Amino acid sequence: MKRFDAHVMAVLARRRAERIDWMIGPLSMLATLEPLTLQGLIAFLMFIVTIGGNAPFHFASMAIGSGVLSELAKRAVLRPRPAGPHLILWIRGSSYPSGDLLTATAIYLTIAFIVSPHLPDGAARPVLYSIVTSLLAMLAGCRVYAGVHHPSDVGGGILLGAAWALFVSAWFA
């Protein structure tokens, strides 16, 4: 895996282009703490107002737990970030797993799990999950291109986030 990560990072470093960099940096920041916190708060409030029941508790449990899981995993592995250049200059901390992708995956999947039973027909569910998958793939690609994560970091973050979302959703089912 280290060789694959190193190869991908080397290829990306050679192919960096200013016309892409100006877009990737801001897109990559959609999967950082502040925007995810705001998105999570909006989703939490929407669940209170629209769905009610245990949906807000389900969502809050997932959100709090994903932060704890991210911190524990990062402390256990302590993998350094890729060597620069980074499009996000102030990023710090361990690289594996991508805590932002872990949290984004947990948030977006849990929203989909909570909302999908309330959709008007079954045809909307695959569209919802396709949108979530596409968004996470875009964010993962941006984080790697921005130079702040190795491919295995974002893959690990997505897998841990999905596992956490499934675990919490099963608990509330």
Foldseek 3Di string as FASTA:
>chain_A
DVVQLVVVLVVLVVVDDPVVLVPLLVLLCCLDDPVLVVVLVVLLVCCCVPVNDCLNVLSVVLQVVLLVVLVVQQVVPVADFFDDDASDPPDDGGAAAPSSLLNLLLNLVLSLLVCVVVDPDPVVSVVSVVVSVVSSVSNLVSCVSRRGYGNVNSVRSNVNSNVSNVVSSVVVD
